[in-house]
C-alpha atoms as a PDB file:
ATOM      1  CA  UNK A   1      11.378   9.948 -17.540  1.00  0.00           C
ATOM      2  CA  UNK A   2      10.224   6.414 -17.349  1.00  0.00           C
ATOM      3  CA  UNK A   3       7.200   5.957 -19.958  1.00  0.00           C
ATOM      4  CA  UNK A   4       5.256   3.021 -20.511  1.00  0.00           C
ATOM      5  CA  UNK A   5       4.406   1.897 -24.681  1.00  0.00           C
ATOM      6  CA  UNK A   6       0.568   3.291 -23.247  1.00  0.00           C
ATOM      7  CA  UNK A   7       2.066   6.923 -22.769  1.00  0.00           C
ATOM      8  CA  UNK A   8       1.868   6.499 -19.040  1.00  0.00           C
ATOM      9  CA  UNK A   9       5.033   8.573 -16.678  1.00  0.00           C
ATOM     10  CA  UNK A  10       5.521   6.572 -13.917  1.00  0.00           C
ATOM     11  CA  UNK A  11       6.872   9.075 -11.134  1.00  0.00           C
ATOM     12  CA  UNK A  12       5.189   6.528  -8.222  1.00  0.00           C
ATOM     13  CA  UNK A  13       6.753   4.122  -6.458  1.00  0.00           C
ATOM     14  CA  UNK A  14       5.593   1.663  -3.370  1.00  0.00           C
ATOM     15  CA  UNK A  15       8.713   0.765  -1.338  1.00  0.00           C
ATOM     16  CA  UNK A  16       8.586  -2.499   0.893  1.00  0.00           C
ATOM     17  CA  UNK A  17      11.045  -1.992   3.479  1.00  0.00           C
ATOM     18  CA  UNK A  18      10.568  -5.336   5.082  1.00  0.00           C
ATOM     19  CA  UNK A  19       8.473  -8.492   4.361  1.00  0.00           C
ATOM     20  CA  UNK A  20       8.049  -9.009   8.392  1.00  0.00           C
ATOM     21  CA  UNK A  21       5.266  -7.846  10.591  1.00  0.00           C
ATOM     22  CA  UNK A  22       3.577  -8.416  13.350  1.00  0.00           C
ATOM     23  CA  UNK A  23       0.278  -9.436  12.174  1.00  0.00           C
ATOM     24  CA  UNK A  24      -1.057 -12.480  10.643  1.00  0.00           C
ATOM     25  CA  UNK A  25      -4.320 -10.778   8.812  1.00  0.00           C
ATOM     26  CA  UNK A  26      -6.245 -13.585   7.185  1.00  0.00           C
ATOM     27  CA  UNK A  27      -6.683 -11.946   3.961  1.00  0.00           C
ATOM     28  CA  UNK A  28      -3.016 -11.542   3.710  1.00  0.00           C
ATOM     29  CA  UNK A  29      -0.862 -13.856   3.939  1.00  0.00           C
ATOM     30  CA  UNK A  30      -1.077 -17.424   6.337  1.00  0.00           C
ATOM     31  CA  UNK A  31      -0.850 -18.178  10.080  1.00  0.00           C
ATOM     32  CA  UNK A  32       3.106 -19.762   9.601  1.00  0.00           C
ATOM     33  CA  UNK A  33       4.467 -17.206   7.174  1.00  0.00           C
ATOM     34  CA  UNK A  34       8.123 -18.075   5.837  1.00  0.00           C
ATOM     35  CA  UNK A  35      10.013 -14.969   5.694  1.00  0.00           C
ATOM     36  CA  UNK A  36      12.976 -13.889   3.911  1.00  0.00           C
ATOM     37  CA  UNK A  37      16.759 -14.275   5.717  1.00  0.00           C
ATOM     38  CA  UNK A  38      17.513 -10.532   5.897  1.00  0.00           C
ATOM     39  CA  UNK A  39      20.858 -10.669   3.520  1.00  0.00           C
ATOM     40  CA  UNK A  40      17.999 -11.034   0.965  1.00  0.00           C
ATOM     41  CA  UNK A  41      16.458  -7.363   2.082  1.00  0.00           C
ATOM     42  CA  UNK A  42      17.595  -4.633   0.173  1.00  0.00           C
ATOM     43  CA  UNK A  43      19.858  -2.639   2.566  1.00  0.00           C
ATOM     44  CA  UNK A  44      19.668   0.456   3.272  1.00  0.00           C
ATOM     45  CA  UNK A  45      22.599   1.830   1.055  1.00  0.00           C
ATOM     46  CA  UNK A  46      21.032  -0.348  -2.027  1.00  0.00           C
ATOM     47  CA  UNK A  47      17.420   1.441  -1.608  1.00  0.00           C
ATOM     48  CA  UNK A  48      18.810   5.001  -1.494  1.00  0.00           C
ATOM     49  CA  UNK A  49      20.898   3.791  -4.390  1.00  0.00           C
ATOM     50  CA  UNK A  50      17.708   2.306  -6.087  1.00  0.00           C
ATOM     51  CA  UNK A  51      15.910   6.373  -4.537  1.00  0.00           C
ATOM     52  CA  UNK A  52      18.461   7.798  -6.431  1.00  0.00           C
ATOM     53  CA  UNK A  53      18.417   6.141  -9.795  1.00  0.00           C
ATOM     54  CA  UNK A  54      14.692   6.294  -9.825  1.00  0.00           C
ATOM     55  CA  UNK A  55      14.594   9.975  -8.957  1.00  0.00           C
ATOM     56  CA  UNK A  56      16.890  10.894 -11.738  1.00  0.00           C
ATOM     57  CA  UNK A  57      14.181   9.532 -13.780  1.00  0.00           C
ATOM     58  CA  UNK A  58      11.562  11.355 -12.382  1.00  0.00           C
ATOM     59  CA  UNK A  59      10.002   9.638  -9.904  1.00  0.00           C
ATOM     60  CA  UNK A  60       8.840  12.090  -7.345  1.00  0.00           C
ATOM     61  CA  UNK A  61       6.363  10.511  -4.686  1.00  0.00           C
ATOM     62  CA  UNK A  62       7.611   7.324  -2.592  1.00  0.00           C
ATOM     63  CA  UNK A  63       5.057   5.217  -0.711  1.00  0.00           C
ATOM     64  CA  UNK A  64       6.834   3.167   2.314  1.00  0.00           C
ATOM     65  CA  UNK A  65       5.276  -0.270   3.243  1.00  0.00           C
ATOM     66  CA  UNK A  66       5.942  -3.681   4.193  1.00  0.00           C
ATOM     67  CA  UNK A  67       5.274  -6.139   5.532  1.00  0.00           C
ATOM     68  CA  UNK A  68       4.929  -4.058   8.883  1.00  0.00           C
ATOM     69  CA  UNK A  69       7.416  -0.918   7.853  1.00  0.00           C
ATOM     70  CA  UNK A  70       8.371   0.116  11.193  1.00  0.00           C
ATOM     71  CA  UNK A  71       9.432  -3.825  12.209  1.00  0.00           C
ATOM     72  CA  UNK A  72      12.406  -2.497   9.986  1.00  0.00           C
ATOM     73  CA  UNK A  73      15.557  -0.661  12.352  1.00  0.00           C
ATOM     74  CA  UNK A  74      16.632   2.154  12.126  1.00  0.00           C
ATOM     75  CA  UNK A  75      13.270   3.064   9.755  1.00  0.00           C
ATOM     76  CA  UNK A  76      13.118   6.827  10.754  1.00  0.00           C
ATOM     77  CA  UNK A  77      17.356   7.302   9.477  1.00  0.00           C
ATOM     78  CA  UNK A  78      16.192   5.698   6.030  1.00  0.00           C
ATOM     79  CA  UNK A  79      13.206   7.980   5.858  1.00  0.00           C
ATOM     80  CA  UNK A  80      15.335  10.359   6.524  1.00  0.00           C
ATOM     81  CA  UNK A  81      18.050  10.340   3.900  1.00  0.00           C
ATOM     82  CA  UNK A  82      15.447   9.544   1.071  1.00  0.00           C
ATOM     83  CA  UNK A  83      13.804  12.694   2.030  1.00  0.00           C
ATOM     84  CA  UNK A  84      17.379  14.248   1.189  1.00  0.00           C
ATOM     85  CA  UNK A  85      17.347  12.816  -2.520  1.00  0.00           C
ATOM     86  CA  UNK A  86      16.524  15.807  -4.872  1.00  0.00           C
ATOM     87  CA  UNK A  87      13.300  14.878  -6.711  1.00  0.00           C
ATOM     88  CA  UNK A  88      11.951  13.519  -3.984  1.00  0.00           C
ATOM     89  CA  UNK A  89       8.887  15.679  -2.644  1.00  0.00           C
ATOM     90  CA  UNK A  90       6.147  13.283  -1.333  1.00  0.00           C
ATOM     91  CA  UNK A  91       6.601  10.408   0.918  1.00  0.00           C
ATOM     92  CA  UNK A  92       3.972   8.516   2.522  1.00  0.00           C
ATOM     93  CA  UNK A  93       3.684   5.554   4.805  1.00  0.00           C
ATOM     94  CA  UNK A  94       1.253   2.291   4.885  1.00  0.00           C
ATOM     95  CA  UNK A  95       1.310   0.725   8.601  1.00  0.00           C
ATOM     96  CA  UNK A  96      -0.811  -1.505  10.859  1.00  0.00           C
ATOM     97  CA  UNK A  97      -0.041   0.819  13.588  1.00  0.00           C
ATOM     98  CA  UNK A  98       1.252  -1.805  16.390  1.00  0.00           C
ATOM     99  CA  UNK A  99       4.221  -0.050  16.688  1.00  0.00           C
ATOM    100  CA  UNK A 100       3.955   3.168  15.105  1.00  0.00           C
ATOM    101  CA  UNK A 101       3.028   5.456  17.983  1.00  0.00           C
ATOM    102  CA  UNK A 102       6.275   6.160  19.529  1.00  0.00           C
ATOM    103  CA  UNK A 103       7.724   7.393  16.124  1.00  0.00           C
ATOM    104  CA  UNK A 104       5.068   9.725  14.803  1.00  0.00           C
ATOM    105  CA  UNK A 105       6.844  12.888  16.695  1.00  0.00           C
ATOM    106  CA  UNK A 106       9.892  12.098  14.326  1.00  0.00           C
ATOM    107  CA  UNK A 107       7.999  11.787  11.615  1.00  0.00           C
ATOM    108  CA  UNK A 108       6.011  14.811  12.162  1.00  0.00           C
ATOM    109  CA  UNK A 109       9.502  16.419  12.248  1.00  0.00           C
ATOM    110  CA  UNK A 110      10.628  14.937   8.777  1.00  0.00           C
ATOM    111  CA  UNK A 111       7.693  16.728   7.314  1.00  0.00           C
ATOM    112  CA  UNK A 112       5.640  13.037   6.655  1.00  0.00           C
ATOM    113  CA  UNK A 113       1.965  13.598   7.532  1.00  0.00           C
ATOM    114  CA  UNK A 114       0.281  11.257   5.224  1.00  0.00           C
ATOM    115  CA  UNK A 115      -0.413   7.412   6.434  1.00  0.00           C
ATOM    116  CA  UNK A 116      -2.286   5.032   5.372  1.00  0.00           C
ATOM    117  CA  UNK A 117      -3.733   3.418   8.669  1.00  0.00           C
ATOM    118  CA  UNK A 118      -4.538  -0.327   7.784  1.00  0.00           C
ATOM    119  CA  UNK A 119      -7.695  -1.319  10.251  1.00  0.00           C
ATOM    120  CA  UNK A 120     -10.634  -3.453   9.333  1.00  0.00           C
ATOM    121  CA  UNK A 121     -12.663  -3.466  11.816  1.00  0.00           C
ATOM    122  CA  UNK A 122     -13.365  -0.967  15.337  1.00  0.00           C
ATOM    123  CA  UNK A 123     -14.335  -4.450  17.216  1.00  0.00           C
ATOM    124  CA  UNK A 124     -11.469  -6.001  19.903  1.00  0.00           C
ATOM    125  CA  UNK A 125     -12.226  -9.237  19.956  1.00  0.00           C
ATOM    126  CA  UNK A 126     -12.597  -9.105  15.933  1.00  0.00           C
ATOM    127  CA  UNK A 127      -9.629  -7.595  15.445  1.00  0.00           C
ATOM    128  CA  UNK A 128      -7.737 -10.818  17.268  1.00  0.00           C
ATOM    129  CA  UNK A 129     -10.054 -12.902  14.725  1.00  0.00           C
ATOM    130  CA  UNK A 130      -9.081 -10.705  11.144  1.00  0.00           C
ATOM    131  CA  UNK A 131      -5.282 -10.357  12.375  1.00  0.00           C
ATOM    132  CA  UNK A 132      -4.517 -13.506  14.744  1.00  0.00           C
ATOM    133  CA  UNK A 133      -3.179 -11.249  16.955  1.00  0.00           C
ATOM    134  CA  UNK A 134      -4.196  -9.199  20.612  1.00  0.00           C
ATOM    135  CA  UNK A 135      -3.209  -5.422  19.542  1.00  0.00           C
ATOM    136  CA  UNK A 136      -6.244  -3.781  18.907  1.00  0.00           C
ATOM    137  CA  UNK A 137      -5.429  -1.279  21.616  1.00  0.00           C
ATOM    138  CA  UNK A 138      -1.995   0.144  20.608  1.00  0.00           C
ATOM    139  CA  UNK A 139      -3.571   0.343  16.952  1.00  0.00           C
ATOM    140  CA  UNK A 140      -6.237   2.828  18.264  1.00  0.00           C
ATOM    141  CA  UNK A 141      -3.971   4.464  20.305  1.00  0.00           C
ATOM    142  CA  UNK A 142      -1.573   4.514  17.460  1.00  0.00           C
ATOM    143  CA  UNK A 143      -4.845   6.170  15.786  1.00  0.00           C
ATOM    144  CA  UNK A 144      -5.714   8.951  17.962  1.00  0.00           C
ATOM    145  CA  UNK A 145      -2.055   9.870  17.970  1.00  0.00           C
ATOM    146  CA  UNK A 146      -1.917  10.053  14.755  1.00  0.00           C
ATOM    147  CA  UNK A 147      -5.115  12.652  14.547  1.00  0.00           C
ATOM    148  CA  UNK A 148      -3.302  14.675  17.460  1.00  0.00           C
ATOM    149  CA  UNK A 149      -0.386  15.779  15.723  1.00  0.00           C
ATOM    150  CA  UNK A 150      -2.715  16.344  12.435  1.00  0.00           C
ATOM    151  CA  UNK A 151      -1.303  14.103  10.447  1.00  0.00           C
ATOM    152  CA  UNK A 152      -3.435  13.237   7.218  1.00  0.00           C
ATOM    153  CA  UNK A 153      -4.551   9.802   8.335  1.00  0.00           C
ATOM    154  CA  UNK A 154      -6.536   7.275   5.394  1.00  0.00           C
ATOM    155  CA  UNK A 155      -8.358   4.053   7.206  1.00  0.00           C
ATOM    156  CA  UNK A 156      -8.008   1.311   4.885  1.00  0.00           C
ATOM    157  CA  UNK A 157     -10.412  -1.047   5.495  1.00  0.00           C
ATOM    158  CA  UNK A 158     -10.858  -4.511   3.399  1.00  0.00           C
ATOM    159  CA  UNK A 159     -14.256  -5.427   3.227  1.00  0.00           C
ATOM    160  CA  UNK A 160     -15.204  -9.037   3.680  1.00  0.00           C
ATOM    161  CA  UNK A 161     -18.237 -11.100   3.150  1.00  0.00           C
ATOM    162  CA  UNK A 162     -19.716 -12.709   6.671  1.00  0.00           C
ATOM    163  CA  UNK A 163     -16.379 -10.870   8.768  1.00  0.00           C
ATOM    164  CA  UNK A 164     -17.089  -6.900   8.554  1.00  0.00           C
ATOM    165  CA  UNK A 165     -19.287  -5.526   6.155  1.00  0.00           C
ATOM    166  CA  UNK A 166     -21.839  -4.960   9.331  1.00  0.00           C
ATOM    167  CA  UNK A 167     -19.378  -2.341  10.309  1.00  0.00           C
ATOM    168  CA  UNK A 168     -19.405  -0.238   6.874  1.00  0.00           C
ATOM    169  CA  UNK A 169     -21.377   2.280   8.291  1.00  0.00           C
ATOM    170  CA  UNK A 170     -19.619   2.453  11.670  1.00  0.00           C
ATOM    171  CA  UNK A 171     -16.856   3.018   9.927  1.00  0.00           C
ATOM    172  CA  UNK A 172     -18.168   5.919   7.830  1.00  0.00           C
ATOM    173  CA  UNK A 173     -19.429   7.390  11.031  1.00  0.00           C
ATOM    174  CA  UNK A 174     -15.526   8.161  12.000  1.00  0.00           C
ATOM    175  CA  UNK A 175     -15.532  10.746   9.591  1.00  0.00           C
ATOM    176  CA  UNK A 176     -18.627  12.772  11.266  1.00  0.00           C
ATOM    177  CA  UNK A 177     -16.300  15.141  13.914  1.00  0.00           C
ATOM    178  CA  UNK A 178     -12.727  13.732  12.842  1.00  0.00           C
ATOM    179  CA  UNK A 179     -10.739  14.744   9.530  1.00  0.00           C
ATOM    180  CA  UNK A 180     -10.109  11.601   8.661  1.00  0.00           C
ATOM    181  CA  UNK A 181     -10.556   9.468   5.313  1.00  0.00           C
ATOM    182  CA  UNK A 182     -12.242   6.147   5.640  1.00  0.00           C
ATOM    183  CA  UNK A 183     -11.366   3.999   2.264  1.00  0.00           C
ATOM    184  CA  UNK A 184     -12.939   1.090   1.878  1.00  0.00           C
ATOM    185  CA  UNK A 185     -11.128  -1.673  -0.175  1.00  0.00           C
ATOM    186  CA  UNK A 186     -12.455  -4.781  -1.914  1.00  0.00           C
ATOM    187  CA  UNK A 187     -10.492  -7.984  -1.070  1.00  0.00           C
ATOM    188  CA  UNK A 188      -7.946  -9.436  -3.027  1.00  0.00           C
ATOM    189  CA  UNK A 189      -6.345 -12.811  -3.667  1.00  0.00           C
ATOM    190  CA  UNK A 190      -3.421 -12.046  -1.879  1.00  0.00           C
ATOM    191  CA  UNK A 191      -3.113 -14.055   0.797  1.00  0.00           C
ATOM    192  CA  UNK A 192      -0.043 -16.637  -0.294  1.00  0.00           C
ATOM    193  CA  UNK A 193      -2.252 -19.437   0.053  1.00  0.00           C
ATOM    194  CA  UNK A 194      -3.407 -22.348  -2.859  1.00  0.00           C
ATOM    195  CA  UNK A 195      -7.352 -21.447  -2.835  1.00  0.00           C
ATOM    196  CA  UNK A 196      -9.679 -20.493  -5.275  1.00  0.00           C
ATOM    197  CA  UNK A 197     -10.606 -16.937  -5.234  1.00  0.00           C
ATOM    198  CA  UNK A 198     -13.700 -16.260  -6.959  1.00  0.00           C
ATOM    199  CA  UNK A 199     -14.233 -12.863  -6.923  1.00  0.00           C
ATOM    200  CA  UNK A 200     -15.116 -10.373  -4.503  1.00  0.00           C
ATOM    201  CA  UNK A 201     -19.201 -10.712  -3.829  1.00  0.00           C
ATOM    202  CA  UNK A 202     -18.612  -6.654  -2.549  1.00  0.00           C
ATOM    203  CA  UNK A 203     -17.505  -5.185  -5.039  1.00  0.00           C
ATOM    204  CA  UNK A 204     -17.340  -1.191  -4.643  1.00  0.00           C
ATOM    205  CA  UNK A 205     -21.164  -0.762  -6.066  1.00  0.00           C
ATOM    206  CA  UNK A 206     -22.161  -2.621  -3.023  1.00  0.00           C
ATOM    207  CA  UNK A 207     -20.061  -0.598  -0.969  1.00  0.00           C
ATOM    208  CA  UNK A 208     -21.567   2.561  -1.826  1.00  0.00           C
ATOM    209  CA  UNK A 209     -24.525   1.025  -1.305  1.00  0.00           C
ATOM    210  CA  UNK A 210     -24.574  -0.061   2.230  1.00  0.00           C
ATOM    211  CA  UNK A 211     -23.382   3.633   2.937  1.00  0.00           C
ATOM    212  CA  UNK A 212     -26.392   5.486   0.748  1.00  0.00           C
ATOM    213  CA  UNK A 213     -28.227   3.520   2.451  1.00  0.00           C
ATOM    214  CA  UNK A 214     -27.517   5.468   5.319  1.00  0.00           C
ATOM    215  CA  UNK A 215     -26.194   8.822   4.351  1.00  0.00           C
ATOM    216  CA  UNK A 216     -25.841  10.765   1.145  1.00  0.00           C
ATOM    217  CA  UNK A 217     -22.936  10.759  -0.482  1.00  0.00           C
ATOM    218  CA  UNK A 218     -21.296  13.874  -2.367  1.00  0.00           C
ATOM    219  CA  UNK A 219     -19.051  13.220  -4.878  1.00  0.00           C
ATOM    220  CA  UNK A 220     -15.566  14.797  -5.051  1.00  0.00           C
ATOM    221  CA  UNK A 221     -13.481  15.297  -7.798  1.00  0.00           C
ATOM    222  CA  UNK A 222     -10.534  12.616  -7.876  1.00  0.00           C
ATOM    223  CA  UNK A 223      -7.095  13.679  -7.699  1.00  0.00           C
ATOM    224  CA  UNK A 224      -5.649  12.352 -11.018  1.00  0.00           C
ATOM    225  CA  UNK A 225      -4.117   8.832 -11.022  1.00  0.00           C
ATOM    226  CA  UNK A 226      -6.108   8.047  -8.079  1.00  0.00           C
ATOM    227  CA  UNK A 227      -7.345   4.590  -7.210  1.00  0.00           C
ATOM    228  CA  UNK A 228     -10.504   5.966  -4.752  1.00  0.00           C
ATOM    229  CA  UNK A 229     -13.463   6.876  -5.980  1.00  0.00           C
ATOM    230  CA  UNK A 230     -14.193   9.889  -3.183  1.00  0.00           C
ATOM    231  CA  UNK A 231     -16.965  10.766  -1.531  1.00  0.00           C
ATOM    232  CA  UNK A 232     -17.919  13.094   1.216  1.00  0.00           C
ATOM    233  CA  UNK A 233     -21.851  12.994   3.648  1.00  0.00           C
ATOM    234  CA  UNK A 234     -22.804  16.782   3.536  1.00  0.00           C
ATOM    235  CA  UNK A 235     -21.538  18.094   7.163  1.00  0.00           C
ATOM    236  CA  UNK A 236     -19.035  15.655   8.208  1.00  0.00           C
ATOM    237  CA  UNK A 237     -15.425  16.348   8.507  1.00  0.00           C
ATOM    238  CA  UNK A 238     -13.798  13.432   6.812  1.00  0.00           C
ATOM    239  CA  UNK A 239     -14.086  11.934   2.932  1.00  0.00           C
ATOM    240  CA  UNK A 240     -15.012   8.508   1.636  1.00  0.00           C
ATOM    241  CA  UNK A 241     -13.164   6.627  -0.707  1.00  0.00           C
ATOM    242  CA  UNK A 242     -14.148   3.125  -2.217  1.00  0.00           C
ATOM    243  CA  UNK A 243     -11.286   1.781  -3.858  1.00  0.00           C
ATOM    244  CA  UNK A 244     -11.883  -1.180  -6.430  1.00  0.00           C
ATOM    245  CA  UNK A 245      -9.050  -3.354  -5.850  1.00  0.00           C
ATOM    246  CA  UNK A 246     -10.415  -6.359  -6.995  1.00  0.00           C
ATOM    247  CA  UNK A 247     -12.624  -4.791 -10.409  1.00  0.00           C
ATOM    248  CA  UNK A 248      -9.804  -2.748 -11.188  1.00  0.00           C
ATOM    249  CA  UNK A 249     -11.500   0.361 -12.686  1.00  0.00           C
ATOM    250  CA  UNK A 250      -8.461   2.815 -12.238  1.00  0.00           C
ATOM    251  CA  UNK A 251      -5.618   0.063 -13.875  1.00  0.00           C
ATOM    252  CA  UNK A 252      -5.342   2.804 -17.348  1.00  0.00           C
ATOM    253  CA  UNK A 253      -4.244   5.904 -15.125  1.00  0.00           C
ATOM    254  CA  UNK A 254      -1.635   3.755 -13.624  1.00  0.00           C
ATOM    255  CA  UNK A 255       1.448   5.773 -12.704  1.00  0.00           C
ATOM    256  CA  UNK A 256       3.456   3.506 -10.691  1.00  0.00           C
ATOM    257  CA  UNK A 257       5.788   0.932  -9.488  1.00  0.00           C
ATOM    258  CA  UNK A 258       6.127  -1.592  -6.891  1.00  0.00           C
ATOM    259  CA  UNK A 259       9.185  -2.677  -5.265  1.00  0.00           C
ATOM    260  CA  UNK A 260       9.583  -5.660  -2.965  1.00  0.00           C
ATOM    261  CA  UNK A 261      11.600  -5.849  -0.050  1.00  0.00           C
ATOM    262  CA  UNK A 262      13.886  -8.104  -1.463  1.00  0.00           C
ATOM    263  CA  UNK A 263      14.494  -5.501  -4.401  1.00  0.00           C
ATOM    264  CA  UNK A 264      11.996  -7.703  -6.964  1.00  0.00           C
ATOM    265  CA  UNK A 265      10.213  -4.793  -9.249  1.00  0.00           C
ATOM    266  CA  UNK A 266       6.412  -5.289 -10.632  1.00  0.00           C
ATOM    267  CA  UNK A 267       4.806  -2.897 -12.951  1.00  0.00           C
ATOM    268  CA  UNK A 268       1.667  -4.189 -11.688  1.00  0.00           C
ATOM    269  CA  UNK A 269       0.060  -5.350  -8.404  1.00  0.00           C
ATOM    270  CA  UNK A 270      -1.267  -8.177 -10.406  1.00  0.00           C
ATOM    271  CA  UNK A 271       1.776  -9.174 -12.703  1.00  0.00           C
ATOM    272  CA  UNK A 272       4.768 -11.292 -12.305  1.00  0.00           C
ATOM    273  CA  UNK A 273       8.062  -9.778 -10.990  1.00  0.00           C
ATOM    274  CA  UNK A 274       9.847  -7.927 -13.955  1.00  0.00           C
ATOM    275  CA  UNK A 275      13.290  -7.256 -12.683  1.00  0.00           C
ATOM    276  CA  UNK A 276      15.136  -8.393  -9.360  1.00  0.00           C
ATOM    277  CA  UNK A 277      17.177  -5.175  -8.855  1.00  0.00           C
ATOM    278  CA  UNK A 278      18.711  -6.029  -5.688  1.00  0.00           C
ATOM    279  CA  UNK A 279      20.486  -9.003  -7.792  1.00  0.00           C
ATOM    280  CA  UNK A 280      21.864  -6.400 -10.335  1.00  0.00           C
ATOM    281  CA  UNK A 281      23.432  -4.122  -7.587  1.00  0.00           C
ATOM    282  CA  UNK A 282      24.777  -6.988  -5.954  1.00  0.00           C
ATOM    283  CA  UNK A 283      27.005  -7.911  -8.977  1.00  0.00           C
ATOM    284  CA  UNK A 284      29.788  -5.435  -9.450  1.00  0.00           C
ATOM    285  CA  UNK A 285      29.720  -5.988 -13.394  1.00  0.00           C
ATOM    286  CA  UNK A 286      26.233  -3.296 -13.266  1.00  0.00           C
ATOM    287  CA  UNK A 287      26.552  -0.039 -13.475  1.00  0.00           C
ATOM    288  CA  UNK A 288      23.964   2.222 -12.401  1.00  0.00           C
ATOM    289  CA  UNK A 289      23.176   2.794 -16.857  1.00  0.00           C
ATOM    290  CA  UNK A 290      22.671  -0.741 -16.507  1.00  0.00           C
ATOM    291  CA  UNK A 291      20.492  -1.094 -13.355  1.00  0.00           C
ATOM    292  CA  UNK A 292      18.916   2.172 -15.341  1.00  0.00           C
ATOM    293  CA  UNK A 293      18.096   0.517 -18.360  1.00  0.00           C
ATOM    294  CA  UNK A 294      16.620  -2.699 -16.888  1.00  0.00           C
ATOM    295  CA  UNK A 295      13.875  -0.640 -15.141  1.00  0.00           C
ATOM    296  CA  UNK A 296      13.236   1.247 -18.343  1.00  0.00           C
ATOM    297  CA  UNK A 297      12.570  -1.896 -20.373  1.00  0.00           C
ATOM    298  CA  UNK A 298      11.124  -3.196 -17.413  1.00  0.00           C
ATOM    299  CA  UNK A 299       8.609   0.068 -17.422  1.00  0.00           C
ATOM    300  CA  UNK A 300       7.691  -0.656 -21.432  1.00  0.00           C
ATOM    301  CA  UNK A 301       6.674  -4.420 -20.564  1.00  0.00           C
ATOM    302  CA  UNK A 302       3.759  -2.911 -18.049  1.00  0.00           C
ATOM    303  CA  UNK A 303       0.560  -3.832 -19.376  1.00  0.00           C
ATOM    304  CA  UNK A 304      -2.695  -1.715 -19.846  1.00  0.00           C
ATOM    305  CA  UNK A 305      -4.089  -3.034 -16.834  1.00  0.00           C
ATOM    306  CA  UNK A 306      -4.103  -5.565 -14.484  1.00  0.00           C
ATOM    307  CA  UNK A 307      -6.527  -7.965 -15.471  1.00  0.00           C
ATOM    308  CA  UNK A 308      -4.288  -7.639 -18.704  1.00  0.00           C
ATOM    309  CA  UNK A 309      -1.502  -8.464 -16.527  1.00  0.00           C
ATOM    310  CA  UNK A 310      -3.037 -11.317 -14.711  1.00  0.00           C
ATOM    311  CA  UNK A 311      -3.835 -13.592 -17.760  1.00  0.00           C
ATOM    312  CA  UNK A 312       0.029 -13.365 -18.319  1.00  0.00           C
ATOM    313  CA  UNK A 313       0.608 -14.362 -14.210  1.00  0.00           C
ATOM    314  CA  UNK A 314       3.009 -17.657 -14.103  1.00  0.00           C
ATOM    315  CA  UNK A 315       1.588 -19.189 -10.766  1.00  0.00           C
ATOM    316  CA  UNK A 316      -2.521 -20.389  -9.900  1.00  0.00           C
ATOM    317  CA  UNK A 317      -0.504 -19.109  -6.408  1.00  0.00           C
ATOM    318  CA  UNK A 318      -0.723 -15.290  -5.737  1.00  0.00           C
ATOM    319  CA  UNK A 319       2.137 -14.251  -3.093  1.00  0.00           C
ATOM    320  CA  UNK A 320       1.161 -12.881   0.433  1.00  0.00           C
ATOM    321  CA  UNK A 321       0.674  -9.093   0.033  1.00  0.00           C
ATOM    322  CA  UNK A 322       2.919  -9.146   2.575  1.00  0.00           C
ATOM    323  CA  UNK A 323       6.368 -10.024   0.404  1.00  0.00           C
ATOM    324  CA  UNK A 324       4.661  -8.058  -2.305  1.00  0.00           C
ATOM    325  CA  UNK A 325       4.180  -4.955  -0.545  1.00  0.00           C
ATOM    326  CA  UNK A 326       1.001  -3.365   0.716  1.00  0.00           C
END
């Protein structure tokens, strides 16, 4: 088993399959983005080899991220092969929804039902301002198709001051008739730009307060290792979650690793890259045992929480989220 020095078992990996994205969300990346060369990206065979090694060491849950994962050619075939790895029992996907609609039947056939949809506004014009792309209709079409296929949909809304805070209640209303989870996320500094980030004025307390000004909230029991504080509006079909992504109140129970599209391993979103697994796999002198040993050593360096990890971050510019893996 992968276990850190704080006695936490690591059984969850967020795997980025591409750094490319068809949106340019202001909080995630610069408008002009320099993407990695294709030769730098993990191949299907490398991903499968890595997933088998991780599964052997107890990882059972995989979340596929990007960039936008559906920009990777042949993703469905890759997902089918990952699903067949012994020990992998839970595969989920985070997507922006632009390309997702046509893949939903295939995902359903594979038994992949947990989808996180990144959506920060319900207004088409504002969507274009946030994403720098006019793709709102395609995203909403994907959203409605997910619901019609009984997908377990979580809508991730990054809450940004002077941008979309007036829509917090509108998103909550979506849970009235639809079995959807709305998750409000504190803004984070991962936009790949050399600009200071002084913290968030809309933290999870303020977000919850904005909702309770209109609706009563019933607290739900949070699942083990949950990053969200979960609630329900009485009588509504869906649920509401608030993710203290900048406040980092959930770090003490962290059970995850992040692997970028280029094979860099992070033990914490706010920390440095600890190891490049791609480079190990492409060096024929390194066996599976060497790679596993490297991953175990990196896990032993995992900090107690994101604030401690941030103190040791080596550069003042946080990476773009599209490079890290959402």
